[in-house]
Amino acid sequence: MPVRIEEFETGDLPDGPSVPEQVLAYLYANRDKAFTRSEIATGVEEAPNTVGTALSRLKQRDLVRHKGEYWAITEDLDRVQDAYNLHTVTEQLDDEDGGIDPDEWDAVAPDEPHLSERDQ
């Protein structure tokens, strides 16, 4: 969903679940069915191409299944729960410490590889 440029410039952006989160929640709520990408997009009210990207990434993580045109949540619901728990903890830690600043990380990274990465 597009946002007004003023919202973009000020950083006052919508703070809802991401498309992958929406897709997983939708497929979980309808775990007795499989859907086409377009049906999922309609169900979560997002663009089909955006949903397609999310589905591909979720498949790489073994959180959804894909056969032909159809998509369904994985049969391993414990895996989905574990992914959700990790996501929740990561968000909490980012909120508490502001996340990782890549520039700060690079500034303190050693120039030499760690002993475990060196040729023995």
C-alpha atoms as a PDB file:
ATOM      1  CA  MET A   1       0.000   0.000   0.000  1.00  0.00           C
ATOM      2  CA  PRO A   2       1.513   3.339  -0.970  1.00  0.00           C
ATOM      3  CA  VAL A   3       2.056   6.087   1.587  1.00  0.00           C
ATOM      4  CA  ARG A   4       1.995   9.835   1.108  1.00  0.00           C
ATOM      5  CA  ILE A   5       5.418  11.342   0.455  1.00  0.00           C
ATOM      6  CA  GLU A   6       5.065  13.418   3.640  1.00  0.00           C
ATOM      7  CA  GLU A   7       4.741  10.207   5.647  1.00  0.00           C
ATOM      8  CA  PHE A   8       7.743   8.764   3.840  1.00  0.00           C
ATOM      9  CA  GLU A   9       9.872  11.864   4.455  1.00  0.00           C
ATOM     10  CA  THR A  10       9.015  12.144   8.156  1.00  0.00           C
ATOM     11  CA  GLY A  11       9.344   8.434   8.811  1.00  0.00           C
ATOM     12  CA  ASP A  12       5.755   8.298  10.056  1.00  0.00           C
ATOM     13  CA  LEU A  13       5.102   5.014   8.278  1.00  0.00           C
ATOM     14  CA  PRO A  14       2.453   2.376   8.947  1.00  0.00           C
ATOM     15  CA  ASP A  15       3.539  -0.072  11.624  1.00  0.00           C
ATOM     16  CA  GLY A  16       1.639  -3.241  10.858  1.00  0.00           C
ATOM     17  CA  PRO A  17       2.616  -6.806  10.170  1.00  0.00           C
ATOM     18  CA  SER A  18       4.912  -7.384   7.206  1.00  0.00           C
ATOM     19  CA  VAL A  19       3.632  -9.105   4.076  1.00  0.00           C
ATOM     20  CA  PRO A  20       5.338 -12.409   5.002  1.00  0.00           C
ATOM     21  CA  GLU A  21       3.727 -12.215   8.454  1.00  0.00           C
ATOM     22  CA  GLN A  22       0.345 -11.552   6.874  1.00  0.00           C
ATOM     23  CA  VAL A  23       0.786 -14.434   4.432  1.00  0.00           C
ATOM     24  CA  LEU A  24       1.759 -16.882   7.172  1.00  0.00           C
ATOM     25  CA  ALA A  25      -1.133 -15.778   9.381  1.00  0.00           C
ATOM     26  CA  TYR A  26      -3.563 -16.159   6.464  1.00  0.00           C
ATOM     27  CA  LEU A  27      -2.274 -19.604   5.517  1.00  0.00           C
ATOM     28  CA  TYR A  28      -2.254 -20.703   9.148  1.00  0.00           C
ATOM     29  CA  ALA A  29      -5.846 -19.563   9.651  1.00  0.00           C
ATOM     30  CA  ASN A  30      -6.764 -21.526   6.523  1.00  0.00           C
ATOM     31  CA  ARG A  31      -4.366 -24.440   7.011  1.00  0.00           C
ATOM     32  CA  ASP A  32      -6.879 -26.952   5.646  1.00  0.00           C
ATOM     33  CA  LYS A  33      -6.661 -25.347   2.180  1.00  0.00           C
ATOM     34  CA  ALA A  34      -4.148 -24.361  -0.491  1.00  0.00           C
ATOM     35  CA  PHE A  35      -4.403 -21.094  -2.443  1.00  0.00           C
ATOM     36  CA  THR A  36      -3.065 -19.455  -5.572  1.00  0.00           C
ATOM     37  CA  ARG A  37      -0.829 -16.427  -5.186  1.00  0.00           C
ATOM     38  CA  SER A  38      -3.683 -14.192  -6.352  1.00  0.00           C
ATOM     39  CA  GLU A  39      -6.082 -15.656  -3.806  1.00  0.00           C
ATOM     40  CA  ILE A  40      -3.593 -15.064  -1.014  1.00  0.00           C
ATOM     41  CA  ALA A  41      -2.980 -11.507  -2.262  1.00  0.00           C
ATOM     42  CA  THR A  42      -6.720 -10.845  -2.169  1.00  0.00           C
ATOM     43  CA  GLY A  43      -6.976 -12.421   1.286  1.00  0.00           C
ATOM     44  CA  VAL A  44      -4.251 -10.222   2.774  1.00  0.00           C
ATOM     45  CA  GLU A  45      -5.057  -7.179   0.617  1.00  0.00           C
ATOM     46  CA  GLU A  46      -1.557  -6.848  -0.848  1.00  0.00           C
ATOM     47  CA  ALA A  47      -0.216  -6.765  -4.412  1.00  0.00           C
ATOM     48  CA  PRO A  48       0.212 -10.216  -6.034  1.00  0.00           C
ATOM     49  CA  ASN A  49       3.867  -9.561  -6.921  1.00  0.00           C
ATOM     50  CA  THR A  50       4.625  -8.565  -3.331  1.00  0.00           C
ATOM     51  CA  VAL A  51       2.901 -11.711  -2.089  1.00  0.00           C
ATOM     52  CA  GLY A  52       4.803 -13.770  -4.660  1.00  0.00           C
ATOM     53  CA  THR A  53       8.129 -12.486  -3.355  1.00  0.00           C
ATOM     54  CA  ALA A  54       7.069 -13.228   0.224  1.00  0.00           C
ATOM     55  CA  LEU A  55       5.948 -16.735  -0.728  1.00  0.00           C
ATOM     56  CA  SER A  56       9.276 -17.484  -2.419  1.00  0.00           C
ATOM     57  CA  ARG A  57      11.207 -16.367   0.655  1.00  0.00           C
ATOM     58  CA  LEU A  58       8.920 -18.304   2.984  1.00  0.00           C
ATOM     59  CA  LYS A  59       9.418 -21.404   0.829  1.00  0.00           C
ATOM     60  CA  GLN A  60      13.215 -21.029   1.094  1.00  0.00           C
ATOM     61  CA  ARG A  61      12.745 -21.158   4.870  1.00  0.00           C
ATOM     62  CA  ASP A  62      10.478 -24.226   4.615  1.00  0.00           C
ATOM     63  CA  LEU A  63       7.538 -22.326   6.097  1.00  0.00           C
ATOM     64  CA  VAL A  64       5.205 -22.876   3.126  1.00  0.00           C
ATOM     65  CA  ARG A  65       4.654 -25.608   0.531  1.00  0.00           C
ATOM     66  CA  HIS A  66       4.192 -25.094  -3.197  1.00  0.00           C
ATOM     67  CA  LYS A  67       2.661 -27.379  -5.824  1.00  0.00           C
ATOM     68  CA  GLY A  68       1.772 -26.087  -9.254  1.00  0.00           C
ATOM     69  CA  GLU A  69      -0.077 -22.805  -8.763  1.00  0.00           C
ATOM     70  CA  TYR A  70      -0.990 -23.537  -5.151  1.00  0.00           C
ATOM     71  CA  TRP A  71       0.545 -22.589  -1.837  1.00  0.00           C
ATOM     72  CA  ALA A  72      -0.119 -23.873   1.685  1.00  0.00           C
ATOM     73  CA  ILE A  73       1.486 -23.561   5.074  1.00  0.00           C
ATOM     74  CA  THR A  74       4.079 -26.184   5.973  1.00  0.00           C
ATOM     75  CA  GLU A  75       2.924 -29.317   7.750  1.00  0.00           C
ATOM     76  CA  ASP A  76       5.611 -28.639  10.373  1.00  0.00           C
ATOM     77  CA  LEU A  77       3.706 -26.102  12.465  1.00  0.00           C
ATOM     78  CA  ASP A  78       6.419 -26.272  15.143  1.00  0.00           C
ATOM     79  CA  ARG A  79       8.777 -24.753  12.554  1.00  0.00           C
ATOM     80  CA  VAL A  80       6.344 -21.875  12.028  1.00  0.00           C
ATOM     81  CA  GLN A  81       6.101 -21.352  15.786  1.00  0.00           C
ATOM     82  CA  ASP A  82       9.886 -21.363  16.139  1.00  0.00           C
ATOM     83  CA  ALA A  83      10.236 -18.802  13.323  1.00  0.00           C
ATOM     84  CA  TYR A  84       7.598 -16.603  14.947  1.00  0.00           C
ATOM     85  CA  ASN A  85       9.312 -16.829  18.336  1.00  0.00           C
ATOM     86  CA  LEU A  86      12.690 -15.912  16.838  1.00  0.00           C
ATOM     87  CA  HIS A  87      11.139 -12.985  14.978  1.00  0.00           C
ATOM     88  CA  THR A  88       9.435 -11.730  18.148  1.00  0.00           C
ATOM     89  CA  VAL A  89      12.618 -11.929  20.237  1.00  0.00           C
ATOM     90  CA  THR A  90      14.632 -10.204  17.510  1.00  0.00           C
ATOM     91  CA  GLU A  91      12.125  -7.348  17.332  1.00  0.00           C
ATOM     92  CA  GLN A  92      12.193  -6.960  21.113  1.00  0.00           C
ATOM     93  CA  LEU A  93      15.988  -6.837  21.159  1.00  0.00           C
ATOM     94  CA  ASP A  94      16.035  -4.315  18.304  1.00  0.00           C
ATOM     95  CA  ASP A  95      13.537  -2.142  20.185  1.00  0.00           C
ATOM     96  CA  GLU A  96      15.645  -2.293  23.334  1.00  0.00           C
ATOM     97  CA  ASP A  97      19.037  -1.571  21.787  1.00  0.00           C
ATOM     98  CA  GLY A  98      18.146   0.183  18.552  1.00  0.00           C
ATOM     99  CA  GLY A  99      19.251  -2.715  16.358  1.00  0.00           C
ATOM    100  CA  ILE A 100      22.590  -3.174  14.673  1.00  0.00           C
ATOM    101  CA  ASP A 101      24.101  -0.176  12.928  1.00  0.00           C
ATOM    102  CA  PRO A 102      26.111  -1.642  10.021  1.00  0.00           C
ATOM    103  CA  ASP A 103      28.536   1.307  10.008  1.00  0.00           C
ATOM    104  CA  GLU A 104      29.295   0.892  13.717  1.00  0.00           C
ATOM    105  CA  TRP A 105      29.656  -2.860  13.229  1.00  0.00           C
ATOM    106  CA  ASP A 106      32.181  -2.358  10.410  1.00  0.00           C
ATOM    107  CA  ALA A 107      34.106   0.260  12.397  1.00  0.00           C
ATOM    108  CA  VAL A 108      34.878  -2.165  15.234  1.00  0.00           C
ATOM    109  CA  ALA A 109      35.263  -5.338  13.176  1.00  0.00           C
ATOM    110  CA  PRO A 110      38.799  -6.732  13.252  1.00  0.00           C
ATOM    111  CA  ASP A 111      40.887  -6.543  10.092  1.00  0.00           C
ATOM    112  CA  GLU A 112      42.164 -10.097  10.497  1.00  0.00           C
ATOM    113  CA  PRO A 113      39.874 -13.145  10.223  1.00  0.00           C
ATOM    114  CA  HIS A 114      38.946 -14.978  13.404  1.00  0.00           C
ATOM    115  CA  LEU A 115      41.198 -17.935  14.345  1.00  0.00           C
ATOM    116  CA  SER A 116      38.409 -20.339  13.366  1.00  0.00           C
ATOM    117  CA  GLU A 117      38.401 -18.867   9.840  1.00  0.00           C
ATOM    118  CA  ARG A 118      42.158 -19.032   9.241  1.00  0.00           C
ATOM    119  CA  ASP A 119      43.809 -21.848   7.317  1.00  0.00           C
ATOM    120  CA  GLN A 120      45.222 -24.385   9.723  1.00  0.00           C
END
